[in-house]
N, C-alpha and C. Protein backbone atom coordinates (compact mmCIF):
# COMPACT_ATOMS: atom_id res chain seq x y z
N MET A 1 -15.90 158.52 -34.50
CA MET A 1 -16.75 159.70 -34.31
C MET A 1 -16.50 160.69 -35.46
N GLU A 2 -17.56 161.17 -36.04
CA GLU A 2 -17.45 162.08 -37.18
C GLU A 2 -17.08 163.48 -36.71
N GLN A 3 -16.11 164.09 -37.42
CA GLN A 3 -15.70 165.44 -37.08
C GLN A 3 -16.64 166.44 -37.75
N LEU A 4 -16.86 167.56 -37.09
CA LEU A 4 -17.71 168.62 -37.64
C LEU A 4 -16.91 169.91 -37.76
N VAL A 5 -17.16 170.63 -38.82
CA VAL A 5 -16.56 171.95 -38.99
C VAL A 5 -17.52 172.95 -38.37
N GLN A 6 -17.04 173.69 -37.37
CA GLN A 6 -17.90 174.63 -36.65
C GLN A 6 -17.97 175.99 -37.34
N LYS A 7 -16.87 176.41 -37.95
CA LYS A 7 -16.88 177.67 -38.70
C LYS A 7 -15.85 177.55 -39.81
N LEU A 8 -16.08 178.31 -40.87
CA LEU A 8 -15.19 178.24 -42.02
C LEU A 8 -14.02 179.19 -41.84
N ASN A 9 -12.84 178.69 -42.15
CA ASN A 9 -11.65 179.53 -42.11
C ASN A 9 -11.22 179.83 -43.55
N PRO A 10 -10.20 180.64 -43.75
CA PRO A 10 -9.80 181.00 -45.12
C PRO A 10 -9.52 179.78 -46.01
N ARG A 11 -8.95 178.73 -45.45
CA ARG A 11 -8.68 177.53 -46.24
C ARG A 11 -9.99 176.87 -46.70
N HIS A 12 -10.98 176.87 -45.82
CA HIS A 12 -12.28 176.31 -46.18
C HIS A 12 -12.93 177.13 -47.31
N PHE A 13 -12.75 178.45 -47.27
CA PHE A 13 -13.29 179.28 -48.34
C PHE A 13 -12.57 179.00 -49.66
N ARG A 14 -11.28 178.66 -49.58
CA ARG A 14 -10.54 178.28 -50.79
C ARG A 14 -11.11 176.96 -51.34
N ILE A 15 -11.41 176.02 -50.44
CA ILE A 15 -12.05 174.77 -50.86
C ILE A 15 -13.38 175.10 -51.55
N LEU A 16 -14.14 176.00 -50.98
CA LEU A 16 -15.42 176.40 -51.56
C LEU A 16 -15.24 176.97 -52.96
N ASP A 17 -14.26 177.84 -53.12
CA ASP A 17 -14.01 178.43 -54.45
C ASP A 17 -13.67 177.35 -55.47
N LEU A 18 -12.79 176.43 -55.10
CA LEU A 18 -12.40 175.35 -56.01
C LEU A 18 -13.58 174.42 -56.30
N TYR A 19 -14.36 174.15 -55.28
CA TYR A 19 -15.54 173.30 -55.43
C TYR A 19 -16.52 173.92 -56.42
N LEU A 20 -16.72 175.24 -56.29
CA LEU A 20 -17.61 175.95 -57.20
C LEU A 20 -17.08 175.98 -58.64
N GLU A 21 -15.76 175.86 -58.78
CA GLU A 21 -15.17 175.79 -60.12
C GLU A 21 -15.40 174.43 -60.75
N GLY A 22 -15.92 173.48 -59.95
CA GLY A 22 -16.21 172.15 -60.47
C GLY A 22 -15.06 171.16 -60.35
N ARG A 23 -14.09 171.50 -59.54
CA ARG A 23 -12.94 170.60 -59.39
C ARG A 23 -13.30 169.42 -58.50
N PRO A 24 -12.79 168.23 -58.83
CA PRO A 24 -13.05 167.05 -58.00
C PRO A 24 -12.39 167.19 -56.62
N LEU A 25 -12.96 166.52 -55.63
CA LEU A 25 -12.44 166.62 -54.26
C LEU A 25 -10.99 166.17 -54.18
N ALA A 26 -10.63 165.12 -54.91
CA ALA A 26 -9.24 164.63 -54.88
C ALA A 26 -8.29 165.70 -55.40
N GLU A 27 -8.70 166.41 -56.44
CA GLU A 27 -7.85 167.47 -57.00
C GLU A 27 -7.73 168.63 -56.01
N ILE A 28 -8.85 168.97 -55.37
CA ILE A 28 -8.82 170.04 -54.35
C ILE A 28 -7.85 169.66 -53.24
N ALA A 29 -7.94 168.43 -52.78
CA ALA A 29 -7.06 167.95 -51.72
C ALA A 29 -5.60 168.08 -52.14
N ARG A 30 -5.30 167.65 -53.37
CA ARG A 30 -3.92 167.72 -53.86
C ARG A 30 -3.45 169.16 -53.96
N MET A 31 -4.31 170.04 -54.50
CA MET A 31 -3.93 171.44 -54.68
C MET A 31 -3.64 172.13 -53.35
N LEU A 32 -4.40 171.76 -52.32
CA LEU A 32 -4.27 172.43 -51.02
C LEU A 32 -3.42 171.63 -50.04
N GLU A 33 -2.82 170.54 -50.56
CA GLU A 33 -1.96 169.68 -49.74
C GLU A 33 -2.69 169.20 -48.49
N MET A 34 -3.89 168.67 -48.73
CA MET A 34 -4.72 168.12 -47.68
C MET A 34 -5.04 166.67 -48.04
N THR A 35 -5.54 165.93 -47.09
CA THR A 35 -6.00 164.58 -47.40
C THR A 35 -7.40 164.68 -47.99
N PRO A 36 -7.76 163.74 -48.86
CA PRO A 36 -9.11 163.75 -49.40
C PRO A 36 -10.17 163.64 -48.29
N GLN A 37 -9.84 162.92 -47.22
CA GLN A 37 -10.78 162.78 -46.11
C GLN A 37 -11.04 164.15 -45.45
N ALA A 38 -9.98 164.94 -45.30
CA ALA A 38 -10.14 166.27 -44.67
C ALA A 38 -11.03 167.17 -45.54
N VAL A 39 -10.84 167.10 -46.84
CA VAL A 39 -11.66 167.90 -47.75
C VAL A 39 -13.11 167.43 -47.67
N THR A 40 -13.31 166.11 -47.60
CA THR A 40 -14.66 165.55 -47.50
C THR A 40 -15.34 166.00 -46.22
N ILE A 41 -14.61 166.03 -45.13
CA ILE A 41 -15.18 166.48 -43.85
C ILE A 41 -15.67 167.93 -43.99
N VAL A 42 -14.85 168.77 -44.62
CA VAL A 42 -15.23 170.17 -44.79
C VAL A 42 -16.47 170.28 -45.69
N THR A 43 -16.45 169.58 -46.83
CA THR A 43 -17.55 169.72 -47.79
C THR A 43 -18.85 169.11 -47.30
N ASN A 44 -18.78 168.18 -46.35
CA ASN A 44 -19.99 167.57 -45.81
C ASN A 44 -20.55 168.32 -44.61
N SER A 45 -19.84 169.33 -44.14
CA SER A 45 -20.31 170.04 -42.95
C SER A 45 -21.50 170.94 -43.29
N PRO A 46 -22.43 171.07 -42.35
CA PRO A 46 -23.61 171.92 -42.60
C PRO A 46 -23.25 173.37 -42.90
N ILE A 47 -22.24 173.90 -42.24
CA ILE A 47 -21.88 175.30 -42.46
C ILE A 47 -21.32 175.50 -43.87
N PHE A 48 -20.55 174.51 -44.36
CA PHE A 48 -20.03 174.57 -45.73
C PHE A 48 -21.19 174.51 -46.72
N LYS A 49 -22.11 173.60 -46.49
CA LYS A 49 -23.27 173.46 -47.39
C LYS A 49 -24.10 174.73 -47.41
N HIS A 50 -24.24 175.36 -46.26
CA HIS A 50 -24.99 176.62 -46.18
C HIS A 50 -24.28 177.70 -47.00
N GLU A 51 -22.98 177.85 -46.80
CA GLU A 51 -22.21 178.85 -47.53
C GLU A 51 -22.24 178.55 -49.03
N LEU A 52 -22.18 177.28 -49.38
CA LEU A 52 -22.25 176.86 -50.77
C LEU A 52 -23.58 177.28 -51.40
N SER A 53 -24.67 177.08 -50.67
CA SER A 53 -25.98 177.48 -51.22
C SER A 53 -26.07 179.00 -51.36
N LEU A 54 -25.48 179.74 -50.43
CA LEU A 54 -25.48 181.20 -50.54
C LEU A 54 -24.69 181.65 -51.77
N ARG A 55 -23.52 181.05 -51.96
CA ARG A 55 -22.69 181.41 -53.11
C ARG A 55 -23.37 181.06 -54.42
N ARG A 56 -23.98 179.87 -54.47
CA ARG A 56 -24.67 179.47 -55.69
C ARG A 56 -25.81 180.43 -56.00
N ALA A 57 -26.51 180.88 -54.97
CA ALA A 57 -27.60 181.85 -55.18
C ALA A 57 -27.05 183.16 -55.71
N GLN A 58 -25.90 183.61 -55.18
CA GLN A 58 -25.28 184.84 -55.67
C GLN A 58 -24.86 184.68 -57.13
N ILE A 59 -24.25 183.55 -57.44
CA ILE A 59 -23.81 183.30 -58.81
C ILE A 59 -25.00 183.27 -59.75
N GLU A 60 -26.07 182.60 -59.34
CA GLU A 60 -27.27 182.51 -60.17
C GLU A 60 -27.87 183.90 -60.38
N ALA A 61 -27.88 184.71 -59.33
CA ALA A 61 -28.44 186.06 -59.46
C ALA A 61 -27.62 186.89 -60.45
N VAL A 62 -26.31 186.80 -60.36
CA VAL A 62 -25.44 187.55 -61.28
C VAL A 62 -25.65 187.02 -62.70
N HIS A 63 -25.71 185.69 -62.84
CA HIS A 63 -25.91 185.09 -64.16
C HIS A 63 -27.24 185.54 -64.76
N THR A 64 -28.30 185.49 -63.97
CA THR A 64 -29.63 185.90 -64.44
C THR A 64 -29.61 187.36 -64.86
N GLU A 65 -28.96 188.19 -64.05
CA GLU A 65 -28.86 189.62 -64.38
C GLU A 65 -28.09 189.82 -65.67
N ASN A 66 -26.99 189.08 -65.84
CA ASN A 66 -26.18 189.20 -67.05
C ASN A 66 -26.95 188.73 -68.28
N VAL A 67 -27.70 187.63 -68.14
CA VAL A 67 -28.49 187.13 -69.26
C VAL A 67 -29.56 188.14 -69.64
N ALA A 68 -30.23 188.70 -68.64
CA ALA A 68 -31.26 189.70 -68.91
C ALA A 68 -30.65 190.92 -69.60
N PHE A 69 -29.49 191.34 -69.12
CA PHE A 69 -28.80 192.49 -69.71
C PHE A 69 -28.42 192.16 -71.15
N SER A 70 -27.92 190.95 -71.38
CA SER A 70 -27.52 190.55 -72.72
C SER A 70 -28.71 190.51 -73.66
N ARG A 71 -29.84 189.96 -73.18
CA ARG A 71 -31.04 189.89 -74.01
C ARG A 71 -31.54 191.28 -74.38
N ASP A 72 -31.52 192.17 -73.40
CA ASP A 72 -32.00 193.53 -73.64
C ASP A 72 -31.15 194.25 -74.69
N LEU A 73 -29.87 193.92 -74.71
CA LEU A 73 -28.96 194.66 -75.58
C LEU A 73 -28.52 193.85 -76.80
N LYS A 74 -29.14 192.69 -76.99
CA LYS A 74 -28.77 191.83 -78.11
C LYS A 74 -28.93 192.59 -79.42
N ASP A 75 -27.97 192.39 -80.29
CA ASP A 75 -27.97 193.02 -81.61
C ASP A 75 -27.86 194.54 -81.53
N ARG A 76 -27.42 195.04 -80.39
CA ARG A 76 -27.25 196.49 -80.27
C ARG A 76 -25.85 196.83 -79.80
N ASP A 77 -24.84 196.09 -80.26
CA ASP A 77 -23.46 196.36 -79.88
C ASP A 77 -22.93 197.53 -80.70
N THR A 78 -23.15 198.69 -80.19
CA THR A 78 -22.71 199.90 -80.87
C THR A 78 -21.45 200.41 -80.19
N PRO A 79 -20.70 201.28 -80.84
CA PRO A 79 -19.52 201.85 -80.17
C PRO A 79 -19.88 202.54 -78.85
N ALA A 80 -21.04 203.18 -78.83
CA ALA A 80 -21.46 203.86 -77.60
C ALA A 80 -21.69 202.85 -76.48
N LEU A 81 -22.34 201.73 -76.82
CA LEU A 81 -22.60 200.70 -75.82
C LEU A 81 -21.30 200.10 -75.31
N GLU A 82 -20.36 199.84 -76.20
CA GLU A 82 -19.06 199.31 -75.79
C GLU A 82 -18.35 200.31 -74.87
N ALA A 83 -18.45 201.59 -75.18
CA ALA A 83 -17.84 202.62 -74.33
C ALA A 83 -18.49 202.63 -72.96
N LEU A 84 -19.82 202.45 -72.91
CA LEU A 84 -20.52 202.41 -71.63
C LEU A 84 -20.09 201.20 -70.81
N ARG A 85 -19.96 200.06 -71.45
CA ARG A 85 -19.51 198.85 -70.74
C ARG A 85 -18.11 199.06 -70.16
N ALA A 86 -17.21 199.63 -70.96
CA ALA A 86 -15.85 199.89 -70.48
C ALA A 86 -15.89 200.90 -69.33
N GLY A 87 -16.74 201.90 -69.46
CA GLY A 87 -16.86 202.90 -68.40
C GLY A 87 -17.40 202.30 -67.12
N ALA A 88 -18.35 201.36 -67.25
CA ALA A 88 -18.91 200.71 -66.06
C ALA A 88 -17.83 199.91 -65.34
N LEU A 89 -16.99 199.21 -66.09
CA LEU A 89 -15.91 198.45 -65.47
C LEU A 89 -14.92 199.38 -64.78
N GLN A 90 -14.58 200.48 -65.43
CA GLN A 90 -13.67 201.46 -64.83
C GLN A 90 -14.28 202.06 -63.56
N ALA A 91 -15.58 202.32 -63.60
CA ALA A 91 -16.26 202.88 -62.42
C ALA A 91 -16.21 201.89 -61.26
N ALA A 92 -16.45 200.61 -61.56
CA ALA A 92 -16.39 199.59 -60.51
C ALA A 92 -14.98 199.48 -59.95
N GLN A 93 -13.99 199.50 -60.82
CA GLN A 93 -12.60 199.43 -60.35
C GLN A 93 -12.25 200.64 -59.49
N ARG A 94 -12.75 201.79 -59.86
CA ARG A 94 -12.48 203.01 -59.09
C ARG A 94 -13.11 202.91 -57.70
N LEU A 95 -14.33 202.37 -57.63
CA LEU A 95 -14.96 202.16 -56.33
C LEU A 95 -14.10 201.25 -55.46
N VAL A 96 -13.62 200.17 -56.04
CA VAL A 96 -12.78 199.24 -55.29
C VAL A 96 -11.52 199.94 -54.80
N GLU A 97 -10.88 200.71 -55.66
CA GLU A 97 -9.68 201.45 -55.27
C GLU A 97 -10.00 202.42 -54.13
N ASN A 98 -11.15 203.06 -54.19
CA ASN A 98 -11.53 204.04 -53.18
C ASN A 98 -11.79 203.41 -51.81
N THR A 99 -12.01 202.11 -51.74
CA THR A 99 -12.19 201.46 -50.44
C THR A 99 -10.91 201.52 -49.62
N GLN A 100 -9.78 201.76 -50.28
CA GLN A 100 -8.50 201.86 -49.60
C GLN A 100 -8.03 203.31 -49.43
N HIS A 101 -8.90 204.27 -49.74
CA HIS A 101 -8.54 205.69 -49.69
C HIS A 101 -8.16 206.08 -48.27
N GLU A 102 -7.18 206.98 -48.14
CA GLU A 102 -6.72 207.40 -46.81
C GLU A 102 -7.78 208.22 -46.07
N ASN A 103 -8.64 208.89 -46.80
CA ASN A 103 -9.75 209.62 -46.19
C ASN A 103 -10.85 208.61 -45.87
N GLY A 104 -11.09 208.39 -44.60
CA GLY A 104 -12.07 207.40 -44.17
C GLY A 104 -13.45 207.62 -44.73
N SER A 105 -13.84 208.86 -44.89
CA SER A 105 -15.17 209.17 -45.42
C SER A 105 -15.29 208.70 -46.87
N VAL A 106 -14.27 208.93 -47.66
CA VAL A 106 -14.27 208.48 -49.06
C VAL A 106 -14.32 206.96 -49.11
N ALA A 107 -13.50 206.31 -48.28
CA ALA A 107 -13.46 204.85 -48.25
C ALA A 107 -14.81 204.27 -47.84
N ASN A 108 -15.44 204.87 -46.84
CA ASN A 108 -16.74 204.38 -46.38
C ASN A 108 -17.82 204.56 -47.43
N ARG A 109 -17.82 205.69 -48.13
CA ARG A 109 -18.81 205.91 -49.18
C ARG A 109 -18.63 204.89 -50.31
N ALA A 110 -17.37 204.57 -50.63
CA ALA A 110 -17.11 203.56 -51.67
C ALA A 110 -17.62 202.20 -51.23
N CYS A 111 -17.37 201.85 -49.98
CA CYS A 111 -17.86 200.57 -49.45
C CYS A 111 -19.39 200.51 -49.48
N GLU A 112 -20.02 201.59 -49.07
CA GLU A 112 -21.48 201.63 -49.09
C GLU A 112 -22.02 201.53 -50.52
N ALA A 113 -21.34 202.17 -51.46
CA ALA A 113 -21.77 202.10 -52.85
C ALA A 113 -21.66 200.66 -53.38
N ILE A 114 -20.59 199.98 -53.02
CA ILE A 114 -20.43 198.58 -53.45
C ILE A 114 -21.52 197.72 -52.82
N LEU A 115 -21.75 197.90 -51.53
CA LEU A 115 -22.80 197.12 -50.87
C LEU A 115 -24.15 197.37 -51.51
N ASP A 116 -24.43 198.62 -51.83
CA ASP A 116 -25.70 198.97 -52.46
C ASP A 116 -25.84 198.29 -53.81
N ARG A 117 -24.78 198.25 -54.58
CA ARG A 117 -24.83 197.67 -55.92
C ARG A 117 -24.97 196.15 -55.91
N VAL A 118 -24.56 195.51 -54.83
CA VAL A 118 -24.73 194.05 -54.75
C VAL A 118 -25.98 193.67 -53.97
N GLY A 119 -26.79 194.67 -53.62
CA GLY A 119 -28.08 194.38 -53.02
C GLY A 119 -28.09 194.23 -51.51
N ILE A 120 -27.05 194.67 -50.85
CA ILE A 120 -27.03 194.62 -49.39
C ILE A 120 -27.51 195.97 -48.89
N GLY A 121 -28.39 195.95 -47.93
CA GLY A 121 -29.01 197.17 -47.42
C GLY A 121 -28.01 198.15 -46.86
N LYS A 122 -28.51 199.29 -46.53
CA LYS A 122 -27.70 200.36 -45.96
C LYS A 122 -26.97 199.87 -44.72
N VAL A 123 -25.71 200.20 -44.63
CA VAL A 123 -24.89 199.79 -43.50
C VAL A 123 -25.10 200.78 -42.37
N GLU A 124 -25.23 200.25 -41.19
CA GLU A 124 -25.41 201.11 -40.02
C GLU A 124 -24.09 201.78 -39.69
N THR A 125 -24.10 203.10 -39.58
CA THR A 125 -22.88 203.83 -39.24
C THR A 125 -23.09 204.61 -37.96
N LEU A 126 -22.02 204.76 -37.22
CA LEU A 126 -22.07 205.51 -35.96
C LEU A 126 -20.98 206.56 -35.98
N ARG A 127 -21.34 207.80 -35.72
CA ARG A 127 -20.34 208.86 -35.63
C ARG A 127 -19.83 208.93 -34.20
N VAL A 128 -18.53 209.02 -34.08
CA VAL A 128 -17.91 209.11 -32.78
C VAL A 128 -17.10 210.40 -32.75
N GLN A 129 -16.55 210.72 -31.63
CA GLN A 129 -15.86 212.00 -31.48
C GLN A 129 -14.73 212.18 -32.49
N GLU A 130 -14.46 213.43 -32.84
CA GLU A 130 -13.38 213.87 -33.70
C GLU A 130 -13.41 213.25 -35.10
N GLN A 131 -14.57 213.17 -35.68
CA GLN A 131 -14.77 212.79 -37.06
C GLN A 131 -14.33 211.36 -37.40
N SER A 132 -14.13 210.53 -36.43
CA SER A 132 -13.85 209.14 -36.78
C SER A 132 -15.17 208.44 -37.01
N LEU A 133 -15.15 207.45 -37.86
CA LEU A 133 -16.38 206.79 -38.26
C LEU A 133 -16.19 205.28 -38.13
N HIS A 134 -17.14 204.63 -37.51
CA HIS A 134 -17.10 203.18 -37.36
C HIS A 134 -18.27 202.60 -38.13
N VAL A 135 -18.00 201.58 -38.90
CA VAL A 135 -19.04 200.92 -39.67
C VAL A 135 -19.21 199.52 -39.13
N ASN A 136 -20.42 199.17 -38.77
CA ASN A 136 -20.71 197.83 -38.27
C ASN A 136 -21.39 197.04 -39.36
N ILE A 137 -20.75 195.92 -39.76
CA ILE A 137 -21.36 195.05 -40.74
C ILE A 137 -21.26 193.62 -40.24
N SER A 138 -22.14 192.80 -40.72
CA SER A 138 -22.13 191.40 -40.31
C SER A 138 -21.06 190.64 -41.07
N ALA A 139 -20.74 189.45 -40.61
CA ALA A 139 -19.77 188.60 -41.28
C ALA A 139 -20.25 188.25 -42.69
N ASP A 140 -21.56 188.04 -42.84
CA ASP A 140 -22.11 187.74 -44.16
C ASP A 140 -21.91 188.92 -45.11
N ASP A 141 -22.13 190.13 -44.60
CA ASP A 141 -21.92 191.31 -45.43
C ASP A 141 -20.45 191.46 -45.81
N ALA A 142 -19.57 191.18 -44.86
CA ALA A 142 -18.13 191.27 -45.14
C ALA A 142 -17.75 190.27 -46.23
N ARG A 143 -18.30 189.04 -46.15
CA ARG A 143 -18.02 188.04 -47.19
C ARG A 143 -18.57 188.49 -48.53
N ALA A 144 -19.74 189.13 -48.52
CA ALA A 144 -20.33 189.61 -49.77
C ALA A 144 -19.45 190.69 -50.40
N ILE A 145 -18.90 191.56 -49.56
CA ILE A 145 -17.96 192.58 -50.05
C ILE A 145 -16.75 191.90 -50.67
N GLN A 146 -16.21 190.92 -49.94
CA GLN A 146 -15.03 190.20 -50.43
C GLN A 146 -15.35 189.50 -51.76
N ASP A 147 -16.50 188.88 -51.85
CA ASP A 147 -16.90 188.20 -53.09
C ASP A 147 -17.04 189.19 -54.23
N THR A 148 -17.63 190.34 -53.95
CA THR A 148 -17.82 191.35 -54.98
C THR A 148 -16.47 191.88 -55.47
N LEU A 149 -15.57 192.14 -54.54
CA LEU A 149 -14.24 192.62 -54.93
C LEU A 149 -13.53 191.57 -55.77
N GLU A 150 -13.68 190.31 -55.41
CA GLU A 150 -13.07 189.21 -56.16
C GLU A 150 -13.66 189.13 -57.57
N MET A 151 -14.99 189.29 -57.68
CA MET A 151 -15.63 189.25 -59.00
C MET A 151 -15.14 190.40 -59.87
N ILE A 152 -14.97 191.57 -59.27
CA ILE A 152 -14.48 192.73 -60.03
C ILE A 152 -13.05 192.49 -60.46
N LYS A 153 -12.24 191.94 -59.55
CA LYS A 153 -10.85 191.64 -59.88
C LYS A 153 -10.78 190.62 -61.01
N ASN A 154 -11.63 189.59 -60.95
CA ASN A 154 -11.64 188.58 -61.99
C ASN A 154 -12.11 189.16 -63.32
N ALA A 155 -13.06 190.09 -63.28
CA ALA A 155 -13.54 190.73 -64.50
C ALA A 155 -12.43 191.58 -65.12
N LYS A 156 -11.61 192.17 -64.27
CA LYS A 156 -10.51 193.00 -64.74
C LYS A 156 -9.46 192.14 -65.45
N VAL A 157 -9.22 190.94 -64.92
CA VAL A 157 -8.24 190.03 -65.51
C VAL A 157 -8.74 189.49 -66.84
N ALA A 158 -10.05 189.23 -66.92
CA ALA A 158 -10.63 188.62 -68.13
C ALA A 158 -10.71 189.58 -69.26
């Protein structure tokens, strides 16, 4: 009887990341100390394939945006443009840092700004007594936030 993956756990998301890097299944299995059969079960599951298509669409959208940006600015690498690019990276890093701010309002505004920049609609917020704030987001939105933070972190390393 064939096993099915009902939902993805953190290890499955690690498999997804490695898979998207183009690593062979046998290498993924070795890296994660799993059997190749276990990795195959995960990668053949409908939920994995769905998440894979979502990630590929996100990557393609970012790539398309970067190519368009590059074309628009081709042959215009001026000191001012370089300063703007550096400033944009610093601004993104500051937003990410602000998501951990002790003031909940600041943290929430930073999260909303990140969501807005990656194309996720306005997050529904509810005010409750004594200035506490609860933000309701879907699991997909949470993953998109996590992906965006990871992309920013990777850009910082590069």
